[in-house]
C-alpha atoms as a PDB file:
ATOM      1  CA  MET A   1      11.392  17.523  -1.827  1.00  0.00           C
ATOM      2  CA  SER A   2      12.647  15.827   1.686  1.00  0.00           C
ATOM      3  CA  SER A   3      14.980  13.153   2.024  1.00  0.00           C
ATOM      4  CA  VAL A   4      13.398   9.731   2.061  1.00  0.00           C
ATOM      5  CA  ASP A   5      12.869   9.686   5.366  1.00  0.00           C
ATOM      6  CA  VAL A   6       9.184  10.640   5.420  1.00  0.00           C
ATOM      7  CA  ASP A   7       6.978   9.267   8.292  1.00  0.00           C
ATOM      8  CA  PRO A   8       4.001  11.459   9.202  1.00  0.00           C
ATOM      9  CA  HIS A   9       3.850   8.841  12.075  1.00  0.00           C
ATOM     10  CA  ASN A  10       6.245   8.259  14.750  1.00  0.00           C
ATOM     11  CA  ALA A  11       5.355   5.170  16.526  1.00  0.00           C
ATOM     12  CA  SER A  12       7.683   5.351  18.749  1.00  0.00           C
ATOM     13  CA  ALA A  13       6.813   8.639  20.280  1.00  0.00           C
ATOM     14  CA  GLN A  14       3.062   7.840  19.678  1.00  0.00           C
ATOM     15  CA  CYS A  15       2.649   4.792  22.407  1.00  0.00           C
ATOM     16  CA  CYS A  16       4.636   7.153  24.946  1.00  0.00           C
ATOM     17  CA  CYS A  17       2.488   9.748  24.668  1.00  0.00           C
ATOM     18  CA  GLU A  18      -1.121   7.912  24.165  1.00  0.00           C
ATOM     19  CA  THR A  19      -2.994   7.321  27.862  1.00  0.00           C
ATOM     20  CA  PRO A  20      -4.371   4.543  28.847  1.00  0.00           C
ATOM     21  CA  ALA A  21      -7.971   5.376  27.325  1.00  0.00           C
ATOM     22  CA  GLN A  22      -6.307   6.345  23.652  1.00  0.00           C
ATOM     23  CA  ARG A  23      -4.663   2.749  23.575  1.00  0.00           C
ATOM     24  CA  ARG A  24      -7.959   0.958  24.882  1.00  0.00           C
ATOM     25  CA  ARG A  25      -9.706   2.797  21.789  1.00  0.00           C
ATOM     26  CA  GLU A  26      -6.806   1.716  19.641  1.00  0.00           C
ATOM     27  CA  LYS A  27      -6.975  -1.426  20.563  1.00  0.00           C
ATOM     28  CA  MET A  28     -10.461  -1.502  19.596  1.00  0.00           C
ATOM     29  CA  ARG A  29     -10.232  -0.255  16.120  1.00  0.00           C
ATOM     30  CA  SER A  30      -7.587  -3.381  15.764  1.00  0.00           C
ATOM     31  CA  ALA A  31     -10.048  -6.021  17.071  1.00  0.00           C
ATOM     32  CA  ILE A  32     -12.781  -4.335  14.517  1.00  0.00           C
ATOM     33  CA  ILE A  33     -10.334  -3.936  11.631  1.00  0.00           C
ATOM     34  CA  ALA A  34      -9.511  -7.383  12.085  1.00  0.00           C
ATOM     35  CA  ALA A  35     -12.793  -8.780  12.009  1.00  0.00           C
ATOM     36  CA  ALA A  36     -13.622  -6.759   9.268  1.00  0.00           C
ATOM     37  CA  GLN A  37     -10.760  -8.285   7.410  1.00  0.00           C
ATOM     38  CA  ALA A  38     -12.219 -12.002   7.930  1.00  0.00           C
ATOM     39  CA  ILE A  39     -16.020 -11.389   6.943  1.00  0.00           C
ATOM     40  CA  PHE A  40     -13.985  -9.453   3.567  1.00  0.00           C
ATOM     41  CA  SER A  41     -11.968 -12.579   2.789  1.00  0.00           C
ATOM     42  CA  LYS A  42     -14.678 -15.100   3.684  1.00  0.00           C
ATOM     43  CA  ASP A  43     -17.452 -12.950   2.237  1.00  0.00           C
ATOM     44  CA  GLY A  44     -16.156 -10.172  -0.466  1.00  0.00           C
ATOM     45  CA  GLU A  45     -17.440  -6.794   0.276  1.00  0.00           C
ATOM     46  CA  ALA A  46     -20.828  -7.529  -0.434  1.00  0.00           C
ATOM     47  CA  GLY A  47     -20.768  -9.646   2.452  1.00  0.00           C
ATOM     48  CA  LEU A  48     -19.536  -7.159   5.049  1.00  0.00           C
ATOM     49  CA  SER A  49     -22.010  -4.601   6.892  1.00  0.00           C
ATOM     50  CA  MET A  50     -21.001  -2.629   9.977  1.00  0.00           C
ATOM     51  CA  ARG A  51     -24.207  -4.715  11.400  1.00  0.00           C
ATOM     52  CA  ARG A  52     -22.553  -7.979  10.877  1.00  0.00           C
ATOM     53  CA  LEU A  53     -19.506  -6.567  11.748  1.00  0.00           C
ATOM     54  CA  ALA A  54     -20.972  -5.050  15.268  1.00  0.00           C
ATOM     55  CA  GLU A  55     -22.524  -8.882  15.332  1.00  0.00           C
ATOM     56  CA  ALA A  56     -18.895 -10.381  15.016  1.00  0.00           C
ATOM     57  CA  ILE A  57     -17.333  -8.343  17.388  1.00  0.00           C
ATOM     58  CA  ASP A  58     -20.169  -8.662  20.102  1.00  0.00           C
ATOM     59  CA  TYR A  59     -20.619  -5.327  19.688  1.00  0.00           C
ATOM     60  CA  SER A  60     -23.582  -2.994  18.795  1.00  0.00           C
ATOM     61  CA  PRO A  61     -23.999  -1.447  15.799  1.00  0.00           C
ATOM     62  CA  ALA A  62     -23.752   2.067  17.108  1.00  0.00           C
ATOM     63  CA  ALA A  63     -21.089   1.604  19.150  1.00  0.00           C
ATOM     64  CA  LEU A  64     -19.651   0.710  16.309  1.00  0.00           C
ATOM     65  CA  TYR A  65     -19.589   4.305  15.155  1.00  0.00           C
ATOM     66  CA  LYS A  66     -17.511   5.594  17.913  1.00  0.00           C
ATOM     67  CA  TYR A  67     -14.665   4.017  15.934  1.00  0.00           C
ATOM     68  CA  PHE A  68     -15.582   4.052  12.163  1.00  0.00           C
ATOM     69  CA  SER A  69     -17.844   6.764  10.541  1.00  0.00           C
ATOM     70  CA  SER A  70     -18.791   4.652   7.747  1.00  0.00           C
ATOM     71  CA  LYS A  71     -17.473   2.146   6.175  1.00  0.00           C
ATOM     72  CA  ASP A  72     -15.919   3.921   3.674  1.00  0.00           C
ATOM     73  CA  ASP A  73     -14.063   5.190   7.127  1.00  0.00           C
ATOM     74  CA  LEU A  74     -13.373   1.695   8.092  1.00  0.00           C
ATOM     75  CA  PHE A  75     -11.782   1.002   4.380  1.00  0.00           C
ATOM     76  CA  GLU A  76      -9.806   4.177   4.859  1.00  0.00           C
ATOM     77  CA  ALA A  77      -8.128   2.717   7.865  1.00  0.00           C
ATOM     78  CA  VAL A  78      -7.257  -0.766   6.653  1.00  0.00           C
ATOM     79  CA  ARG A  79      -5.831   1.423   3.487  1.00  0.00           C
ATOM     80  CA  GLU A  80      -3.978   3.449   5.400  1.00  0.00           C
ATOM     81  CA  GLN A  81      -2.452   0.108   7.445  1.00  0.00           C
ATOM     82  CA  PHE A  82      -1.154  -0.737   4.349  1.00  0.00           C
ATOM     83  CA  PHE A  83       0.532   2.302   3.366  1.00  0.00           C
ATOM     84  CA  GLU A  84       2.151   1.652   7.362  1.00  0.00           C
ATOM     85  CA  ARG A  85       3.390  -1.237   6.324  1.00  0.00           C
ATOM     86  CA  LEU A  86       4.329  -0.187   2.832  1.00  0.00           C
ATOM     87  CA  LEU A  87       6.543   3.106   4.278  1.00  0.00           C
ATOM     88  CA  LYS A  88       8.869   0.999   6.645  1.00  0.00           C
ATOM     89  CA  ARG A  89       9.512  -1.109   3.323  1.00  0.00           C
ATOM     90  CA  MET A  90      10.422   1.500   1.336  1.00  0.00           C
ATOM     91  CA  ASN A  91      12.944   3.045   4.102  1.00  0.00           C
ATOM     92  CA  GLU A  92      14.961  -0.187   4.691  1.00  0.00           C
ATOM     93  CA  ALA A  93      14.553  -0.647   0.808  1.00  0.00           C
ATOM     94  CA  THR A  94      16.150   3.095   0.281  1.00  0.00           C
ATOM     95  CA  HIS A  95      18.668   3.024   2.958  1.00  0.00           C
ATOM     96  CA  GLY A  96      20.394  -0.217   1.584  1.00  0.00           C
ATOM     97  CA  SER A  97      23.617   0.393  -0.743  1.00  0.00           C
ATOM     98  CA  GLY A  98      23.373   1.001  -4.470  1.00  0.00           C
ATOM     99  CA  THR A  99      22.471   3.193  -7.582  1.00  0.00           C
ATOM    100  CA  THR A 100      19.513   4.781  -7.977  1.00  0.00           C
ATOM    101  CA  ARG A 101      18.088   2.456 -10.564  1.00  0.00           C
ATOM    102  CA  GLU A 102      18.523  -0.287  -8.266  1.00  0.00           C
ATOM    103  CA  LEU A 103      17.319   1.660  -4.881  1.00  0.00           C
ATOM    104  CA  PHE A 104      13.968   2.728  -6.985  1.00  0.00           C
ATOM    105  CA  GLU A 105      13.779  -1.261  -8.121  1.00  0.00           C
ATOM    106  CA  ALA A 106      13.425  -1.801  -4.622  1.00  0.00           C
ATOM    107  CA  CYS A 107      10.970   0.091  -3.211  1.00  0.00           C
ATOM    108  CA  GLY A 108       8.455  -1.058  -6.431  1.00  0.00           C
ATOM    109  CA  ARG A 109       8.922  -5.152  -4.985  1.00  0.00           C
ATOM    110  CA  ALA A 110       8.801  -3.915  -1.770  1.00  0.00           C
ATOM    111  CA  TYR A 111       5.169  -2.770  -2.523  1.00  0.00           C
ATOM    112  CA  ILE A 112       3.943  -5.890  -4.745  1.00  0.00           C
ATOM    113  CA  GLU A 113       5.577  -8.054  -1.725  1.00  0.00           C
ATOM    114  CA  THR A 114       4.175  -5.986   1.251  1.00  0.00           C
ATOM    115  CA  ALA A 115       0.585  -6.999  -0.630  1.00  0.00           C
ATOM    116  CA  MET A 116       1.628 -10.424  -1.084  1.00  0.00           C
ATOM    117  CA  GLU A 117       2.296 -10.725   2.921  1.00  0.00           C
ATOM    118  CA  GLU A 118      -1.253  -9.934   3.155  1.00  0.00           C
ATOM    119  CA  PRO A 119      -3.563  -9.817  -0.159  1.00  0.00           C
ATOM    120  CA  ASN A 120      -6.669 -10.239   1.424  1.00  0.00           C
ATOM    121  CA  THR A 121      -6.787  -7.369   3.102  1.00  0.00           C
ATOM    122  CA  TYR A 122      -4.781  -5.381   0.180  1.00  0.00           C
ATOM    123  CA  LEU A 123      -7.854  -6.555  -1.669  1.00  0.00           C
ATOM    124  CA  MET A 124      -9.899  -4.869   0.512  1.00  0.00           C
ATOM    125  CA  ALA A 125      -8.393  -1.483   0.904  1.00  0.00           C
ATOM    126  CA  TYR A 126      -8.838  -1.007  -3.087  1.00  0.00           C
ATOM    127  CA  THR A 127     -12.162  -2.382  -3.007  1.00  0.00           C
ATOM    128  CA  GLY A 128     -13.597   0.120  -1.109  1.00  0.00           C
ATOM    129  CA  MET A 129     -11.417   3.332  -2.454  1.00  0.00           C
ATOM    130  CA  GLY A 130     -13.466   6.277  -3.952  1.00  0.00           C
ATOM    131  CA  GLU A 131     -13.355   8.011  -6.822  1.00  0.00           C
ATOM    132  CA  ASP A 132     -10.468  10.903  -5.275  1.00  0.00           C
ATOM    133  CA  ILE A 133      -7.062   8.662  -5.083  1.00  0.00           C
ATOM    134  CA  THR A 134      -5.053  12.491  -4.079  1.00  0.00           C
ATOM    135  CA  PRO A 135      -4.080  11.036  -1.047  1.00  0.00           C
ATOM    136  CA  ALA A 136      -4.799  13.450   2.821  1.00  0.00           C
ATOM    137  CA  GLU A 137      -1.888  14.999   3.290  1.00  0.00           C
ATOM    138  CA  GLY A 138      -0.237  13.650   6.823  1.00  0.00           C
ATOM    139  CA  THR A 139      -1.394  10.161   5.782  1.00  0.00           C
ATOM    140  CA  PHE A 140       1.295   7.316   5.333  1.00  0.00           C
ATOM    141  CA  SER A 141      -0.303   6.928   1.823  1.00  0.00           C
ATOM    142  CA  TYR A 142       0.437  10.780   1.095  1.00  0.00           C
ATOM    143  CA  ALA A 143       4.055  10.233   2.625  1.00  0.00           C
ATOM    144  CA  ALA A 144       4.682   6.971   0.452  1.00  0.00           C
ATOM    145  CA  ALA A 145       3.683   8.848  -2.630  1.00  0.00           C
ATOM    146  CA  GLU A 146       5.901  11.740  -1.290  1.00  0.00           C
ATOM    147  CA  GLN A 147       8.249   9.801  -1.453  1.00  0.00           C
ATOM    148  CA  LEU A 148       8.018   7.910  -4.672  1.00  0.00           C
ATOM    149  CA  GLU A 149       7.998  11.004  -6.138  1.00  0.00           C
ATOM    150  CA  ASN A 150      11.404  12.266  -4.321  1.00  0.00           C
ATOM    151  CA  MET A 151      12.883   9.121  -6.046  1.00  0.00           C
ATOM    152  CA  ILE A 152      12.069  10.352  -8.803  1.00  0.00           C
ATOM    153  CA  GLU A 153      12.904  13.623  -8.690  1.00  0.00           C
ATOM    154  CA  LYS A 154      16.646  12.505  -7.178  1.00  0.00           C
ATOM    155  CA  GLY A 155      16.948  10.092 -10.874  1.00  0.00           C
ATOM    156  CA  VAL A 156      16.114  13.592 -12.905  1.00  0.00           C
ATOM    157  CA  LEU A 157      18.701  15.847 -11.021  1.00  0.00           C
ATOM    158  CA  GLU A 158      21.296  12.718 -11.224  1.00  0.00           C
ATOM    159  CA  GLY A 159      20.057  13.105 -15.903  1.00  0.00           C
ATOM    160  CA  ILE A 160      19.666   8.771 -15.557  1.00  0.00           C
ATOM    161  CA  LEU A 161      15.445   9.841 -15.654  1.00  0.00           C
ATOM    162  CA  ARG A 162      13.423  12.450 -18.096  1.00  0.00           C
ATOM    163  CA  ASP A 163      12.519  15.708 -16.715  1.00  0.00           C
ATOM    164  CA  VAL A 164       9.120  14.730 -16.045  1.00  0.00           C
ATOM    165  CA  ASP A 165       5.965  15.410 -14.386  1.00  0.00           C
ATOM    166  CA  LEU A 166       6.061  14.115 -10.700  1.00  0.00           C
ATOM    167  CA  ALA A 167       2.988  14.210  -9.657  1.00  0.00           C
ATOM    168  CA  LEU A 168       2.141  12.043 -13.180  1.00  0.00           C
ATOM    169  CA  ALA A 169       5.372  10.100 -13.190  1.00  0.00           C
ATOM    170  CA  GLY A 170       4.221   8.799  -9.844  1.00  0.00           C
ATOM    171  CA  LYS A 171       0.980   8.419 -10.568  1.00  0.00           C
ATOM    172  CA  ALA A 172       1.993   5.923 -13.521  1.00  0.00           C
ATOM    173  CA  VAL A 173       4.365   3.706 -11.253  1.00  0.00           C
ATOM    174  CA  TRP A 174       1.619   3.224  -8.637  1.00  0.00           C
ATOM    175  CA  ALA A 175      -0.815   2.100 -11.575  1.00  0.00           C
ATOM    176  CA  ALA A 176       1.909  -0.021 -12.837  1.00  0.00           C
ATOM    177  CA  VAL A 177       2.836  -1.657  -9.504  1.00  0.00           C
ATOM    178  CA  HIS A 178      -0.816  -1.749  -8.813  1.00  0.00           C
ATOM    179  CA  GLY A 179      -1.549  -3.681 -11.891  1.00  0.00           C
ATOM    180  CA  ILE A 180       1.310  -6.300 -11.750  1.00  0.00           C
ATOM    181  CA  THR A 181      -0.006  -6.738  -7.488  1.00  0.00           C
ATOM    182  CA  MET A 182      -3.287  -7.602  -8.716  1.00  0.00           C
ATOM    183  CA  LEU A 183      -2.721  -9.993 -11.197  1.00  0.00           C
ATOM    184  CA  LEU A 184      -0.609 -11.754  -8.948  1.00  0.00           C
ATOM    185  CA  ILE A 185      -2.862 -12.062  -6.101  1.00  0.00           C
ATOM    186  CA  GLN A 186      -6.246 -12.973  -7.975  1.00  0.00           C
ATOM    187  CA  ILE A 187      -4.277 -15.085 -10.586  1.00  0.00           C
ATOM    188  CA  PRO A 188      -2.473 -18.078  -8.632  1.00  0.00           C
ATOM    189  CA  THR A 189      -1.292 -19.329 -12.117  1.00  0.00           C
ATOM    190  CA  MET A 190       0.280 -15.861 -12.782  1.00  0.00           C
ATOM    191  CA  PRO A 191       2.726 -15.840 -14.617  1.00  0.00           C
ATOM    192  CA  GLY A 192       1.417 -19.049 -16.467  1.00  0.00           C
ATOM    193  CA  GLY A 193       1.857 -18.970 -20.253  1.00  0.00           C
ATOM    194  CA  VAL A 194      -0.508 -17.643 -22.227  1.00  0.00           C
ATOM    195  CA  THR A 195       0.401 -18.984 -26.160  1.00  0.00           C
ATOM    196  CA  HIS A 196       2.911 -21.014 -25.086  1.00  0.00           C
ATOM    197  CA  GLU A 197       4.430 -23.328 -22.072  1.00  0.00           C
ATOM    198  CA  THR A 198       6.610 -20.787 -19.429  1.00  0.00           C
ATOM    199  CA  SER A 199       8.893 -21.993 -16.990  1.00  0.00           C
ATOM    200  CA  HIS A 200       8.676 -18.286 -15.534  1.00  0.00           C
ATOM    201  CA  THR A 201       8.333 -17.871 -12.222  1.00  0.00           C
ATOM    202  CA  ARG A 202       6.657 -14.995  -9.547  1.00  0.00           C
ATOM    203  CA  GLU A 203      10.101 -13.321  -9.084  1.00  0.00           C
ATOM    204  CA  ASP A 204      11.300 -13.464 -13.037  1.00  0.00           C
ATOM    205  CA  MET A 205       7.639 -11.626 -13.354  1.00  0.00           C
ATOM    206  CA  ILE A 206       8.575  -9.200 -10.716  1.00  0.00           C
ATOM    207  CA  ASP A 207      11.743  -8.512 -11.904  1.00  0.00           C
ATOM    208  CA  PHE A 208      11.153  -7.554 -15.351  1.00  0.00           C
ATOM    209  CA  HIS A 209       8.356  -5.412 -14.352  1.00  0.00           C
ATOM    210  CA  THR A 210       9.870  -2.881 -12.243  1.00  0.00           C
ATOM    211  CA  ASP A 211      13.204  -3.411 -15.103  1.00  0.00           C
ATOM    212  CA  PHE A 212      10.091  -2.088 -17.255  1.00  0.00           C
ATOM    213  CA  ILE A 213       8.568   0.629 -15.129  1.00  0.00           C
ATOM    214  CA  TRP A 214      12.366   1.959 -15.110  1.00  0.00           C
ATOM    215  CA  ARG A 215      13.027   1.764 -18.517  1.00  0.00           C
ATOM    216  CA  GLY A 216       9.497   3.707 -19.474  1.00  0.00           C
ATOM    217  CA  LEU A 217      11.445   6.621 -17.262  1.00  0.00           C
ATOM    218  CA  ALA A 218      14.586   6.515 -18.386  1.00  0.00           C
ATOM    219  CA  LEU A 219      16.893   8.852 -20.537  1.00  0.00           C
ATOM    220  CA  ALA A 220      16.772   7.113 -23.753  1.00  0.00           C
END
């Protein structure tokens, strides 16, 4: 597999090569996504329709379909925005100094923190997710998954992680960080006490969770 420098979209190269028409199109797509996020934040998925979205940006529903073929297509674009930001943060984390374990845990925190910065965007991205969770090759979500598998493989080759199915392990790690992320977003008091009072902070919870995930993969 490739190294951690995985980025299917070279943003600077894109900006240089884009025509004025392409820049206008991307600007319009961004405006549509921003309006969709505002509606979702206020009224949830049930309140978001292509017609209402068109009204919010003073656009005709038919013209809206020039930018997004369906609501699912729109949700996918929101999801890709999240993974674009995440991939950048993962690259920053893995370029820091530290052991494989420290960099692995840093990537886990990067996922959670990126989602917590724009929680409504994160909720919208996963509310619109279909049954097929396998990302398409060439997308930011694919690149993020590939980078996670690369890190697990690195740990296996170093002899500090168990020899596991990389694809399965990657999905399991993603499920674990997604789970705590959703809890932290949806339960403001998390990690409040369940059976007794606790003074634990969210940072304590995140640190414990990322350590917990690593131990699940580590050799005994």
